[in-house]
Amino acid sequence: MSIGRVLGILLLIVVLYAVITQPQASASMTRNGMGHLGAAGTSLATFMTALVGSNTSTGGSTGLNRTSQVNVVPRGGVNTGDGSYPG
């Protein structure tokens, strides 16, 4: 049995012991840890966005800006679905 496997089993035993003996504290610690991981992910995303930068200063497009098409139906008109309006 390798040292890594022994350490993994010992870690699992300690975690299970903590969860069984103090479930509220274990849940709180897990929640805080996940919060820190989320904050680290947000910080990394902000860093990568700042690193890549935007291409707006040169008038270029990043390809992320898409305009949506809005179909306007005249007042009182009914769209037939093929782009025409009954007259």
C-alpha atoms as a PDB file:
ATOM      1  CA  MET A   1       0.000   0.000   0.000  1.00  0.00           C
ATOM      2  CA  SER A   2       1.459   3.351  -1.049  1.00  0.00           C
ATOM      3  CA  ILE A   3       1.898   6.311   1.268  1.00  0.00           C
ATOM      4  CA  GLY A   4      -0.577   8.356  -0.812  1.00  0.00           C
ATOM      5  CA  ARG A   5      -3.286   5.767  -0.367  1.00  0.00           C
ATOM      6  CA  VAL A   6      -2.674   5.569   3.394  1.00  0.00           C
ATOM      7  CA  LEU A   7      -2.834   9.370   3.702  1.00  0.00           C
ATOM      8  CA  GLY A   8      -6.029   9.435   1.622  1.00  0.00           C
ATOM      9  CA  ILE A   9      -7.691   6.849   3.855  1.00  0.00           C
ATOM     10  CA  LEU A  10      -6.605   8.753   6.980  1.00  0.00           C
ATOM     11  CA  LEU A  11      -7.999  11.987   5.544  1.00  0.00           C
ATOM     12  CA  LEU A  12     -11.295  10.270   4.749  1.00  0.00           C
ATOM     13  CA  ILE A  13     -11.517   8.920   8.299  1.00  0.00           C
ATOM     14  CA  VAL A  14     -10.852  12.369   9.794  1.00  0.00           C
ATOM     15  CA  VAL A  15     -13.470  13.998   7.537  1.00  0.00           C
ATOM     16  CA  LEU A  16     -16.073  11.347   8.356  1.00  0.00           C
ATOM     17  CA  TYR A  17     -15.323  11.715  12.075  1.00  0.00           C
ATOM     18  CA  ALA A  18     -15.765  15.501  11.854  1.00  0.00           C
ATOM     19  CA  VAL A  19     -19.046  15.172   9.944  1.00  0.00           C
ATOM     20  CA  ILE A  20     -20.444  12.599  12.363  1.00  0.00           C
ATOM     21  CA  THR A  21     -19.399  14.345  15.594  1.00  0.00           C
ATOM     22  CA  GLN A  22     -19.998  17.986  14.570  1.00  0.00           C
ATOM     23  CA  PRO A  23     -22.328  18.144  11.557  1.00  0.00           C
ATOM     24  CA  GLN A  24     -23.238  21.847  11.975  1.00  0.00           C
ATOM     25  CA  ALA A  25     -19.621  22.983  12.170  1.00  0.00           C
ATOM     26  CA  SER A  26     -18.692  20.731   9.247  1.00  0.00           C
ATOM     27  CA  ALA A  27     -21.499  22.159   7.105  1.00  0.00           C
ATOM     28  CA  SER A  28     -20.489  25.711   7.994  1.00  0.00           C
ATOM     29  CA  MET A  29     -16.857  25.012   7.160  1.00  0.00           C
ATOM     30  CA  THR A  30     -17.854  23.451   3.830  1.00  0.00           C
ATOM     31  CA  ARG A  31     -20.130  26.397   2.999  1.00  0.00           C
ATOM     32  CA  ASN A  32     -17.337  28.871   3.776  1.00  0.00           C
ATOM     33  CA  GLY A  33     -14.885  26.874   1.692  1.00  0.00           C
ATOM     34  CA  MET A  34     -17.249  26.842  -1.286  1.00  0.00           C
ATOM     35  CA  GLY A  35     -17.745  30.595  -0.882  1.00  0.00           C
ATOM     36  CA  HIS A  36     -13.995  31.114  -1.042  1.00  0.00           C
ATOM     37  CA  LEU A  37     -13.739  28.916  -4.139  1.00  0.00           C
ATOM     38  CA  GLY A  38     -16.521  30.924  -5.791  1.00  0.00           C
ATOM     39  CA  ALA A  39     -14.765  34.192  -4.979  1.00  0.00           C
ATOM     40  CA  ALA A  40     -11.514  32.810  -6.380  1.00  0.00           C
ATOM     41  CA  GLY A  41     -13.307  31.816  -9.595  1.00  0.00           C
ATOM     42  CA  THR A  42     -14.834  35.277  -9.934  1.00  0.00           C
ATOM     43  CA  SER A  43     -11.445  36.889  -9.368  1.00  0.00           C
ATOM     44  CA  LEU A  44      -9.856  34.634 -11.974  1.00  0.00           C
ATOM     45  CA  ALA A  45     -12.582  35.486 -14.494  1.00  0.00           C
ATOM     46  CA  THR A  46     -12.100  39.207 -13.818  1.00  0.00           C
ATOM     47  CA  PHE A  47      -8.346  38.831 -14.274  1.00  0.00           C
ATOM     48  CA  MET A  48      -8.742  36.944 -17.550  1.00  0.00           C
ATOM     49  CA  THR A  49     -11.218  39.537 -18.845  1.00  0.00           C
ATOM     50  CA  ALA A  50      -8.807  42.341 -17.980  1.00  0.00           C
ATOM     51  CA  LEU A  51      -5.909  40.408 -19.509  1.00  0.00           C
ATOM     52  CA  VAL A  52      -7.686  39.812 -22.807  1.00  0.00           C
ATOM     53  CA  GLY A  53      -9.221  43.267 -22.789  1.00  0.00           C
ATOM     54  CA  SER A  54     -11.850  44.564 -25.105  1.00  0.00           C
ATOM     55  CA  ASN A  55     -11.426  45.607 -28.691  1.00  0.00           C
ATOM     56  CA  THR A  56     -13.726  48.627 -28.493  1.00  0.00           C
ATOM     57  CA  SER A  57     -10.929  51.221 -28.587  1.00  0.00           C
ATOM     58  CA  THR A  58     -10.065  50.308 -32.181  1.00  0.00           C
ATOM     59  CA  GLY A  59     -13.672  50.141 -33.292  1.00  0.00           C
ATOM     60  CA  GLY A  60     -13.505  46.381 -33.743  1.00  0.00           C
ATOM     61  CA  SER A  61     -15.993  43.841 -32.587  1.00  0.00           C
ATOM     62  CA  THR A  62     -15.346  40.921 -30.278  1.00  0.00           C
ATOM     63  CA  GLY A  63     -18.148  38.911 -31.848  1.00  0.00           C
ATOM     64  CA  LEU A  64     -19.977  38.829 -28.546  1.00  0.00           C
ATOM     65  CA  ASN A  65     -22.338  41.697 -29.325  1.00  0.00           C
ATOM     66  CA  ARG A  66     -25.432  40.464 -31.091  1.00  0.00           C
ATOM     67  CA  THR A  67     -28.436  42.543 -31.889  1.00  0.00           C
ATOM     68  CA  SER A  68     -31.855  41.039 -31.533  1.00  0.00           C
ATOM     69  CA  GLN A  69     -34.411  41.384 -34.286  1.00  0.00           C
ATOM     70  CA  VAL A  70     -37.729  42.874 -33.266  1.00  0.00           C
ATOM     71  CA  ASN A  71     -40.719  42.361 -35.511  1.00  0.00           C
ATOM     72  CA  VAL A  72     -43.067  45.304 -35.320  1.00  0.00           C
ATOM     73  CA  VAL A  73     -46.690  44.659 -36.202  1.00  0.00           C
ATOM     74  CA  PRO A  74     -48.628  47.735 -37.338  1.00  0.00           C
ATOM     75  CA  ARG A  75     -51.418  48.853 -35.024  1.00  0.00           C
ATOM     76  CA  GLY A  76     -54.479  46.775 -35.751  1.00  0.00           C
ATOM     77  CA  GLY A  77     -52.544  44.473 -38.091  1.00  0.00           C
ATOM     78  CA  VAL A  78     -52.161  40.730 -37.684  1.00  0.00           C
ATOM     79  CA  ASN A  79     -48.962  38.977 -38.645  1.00  0.00           C
ATOM     80  CA  THR A  80     -49.762  35.901 -40.769  1.00  0.00           C
ATOM     81  CA  GLY A  81     -46.413  34.249 -40.015  1.00  0.00           C
ATOM     82  CA  ASP A  82     -44.938  34.641 -43.508  1.00  0.00           C
ATOM     83  CA  GLY A  83     -44.094  38.311 -43.051  1.00  0.00           C
ATOM     84  CA  SER A  84     -47.218  39.620 -44.746  1.00  0.00           C
ATOM     85  CA  TYR A  85     -50.259  41.277 -43.278  1.00  0.00           C
ATOM     86  CA  PRO A  86     -53.823  40.616 -44.400  1.00  0.00           C
ATOM     87  CA  GLY A  87     -55.203  43.614 -46.213  1.00  0.00           C
END
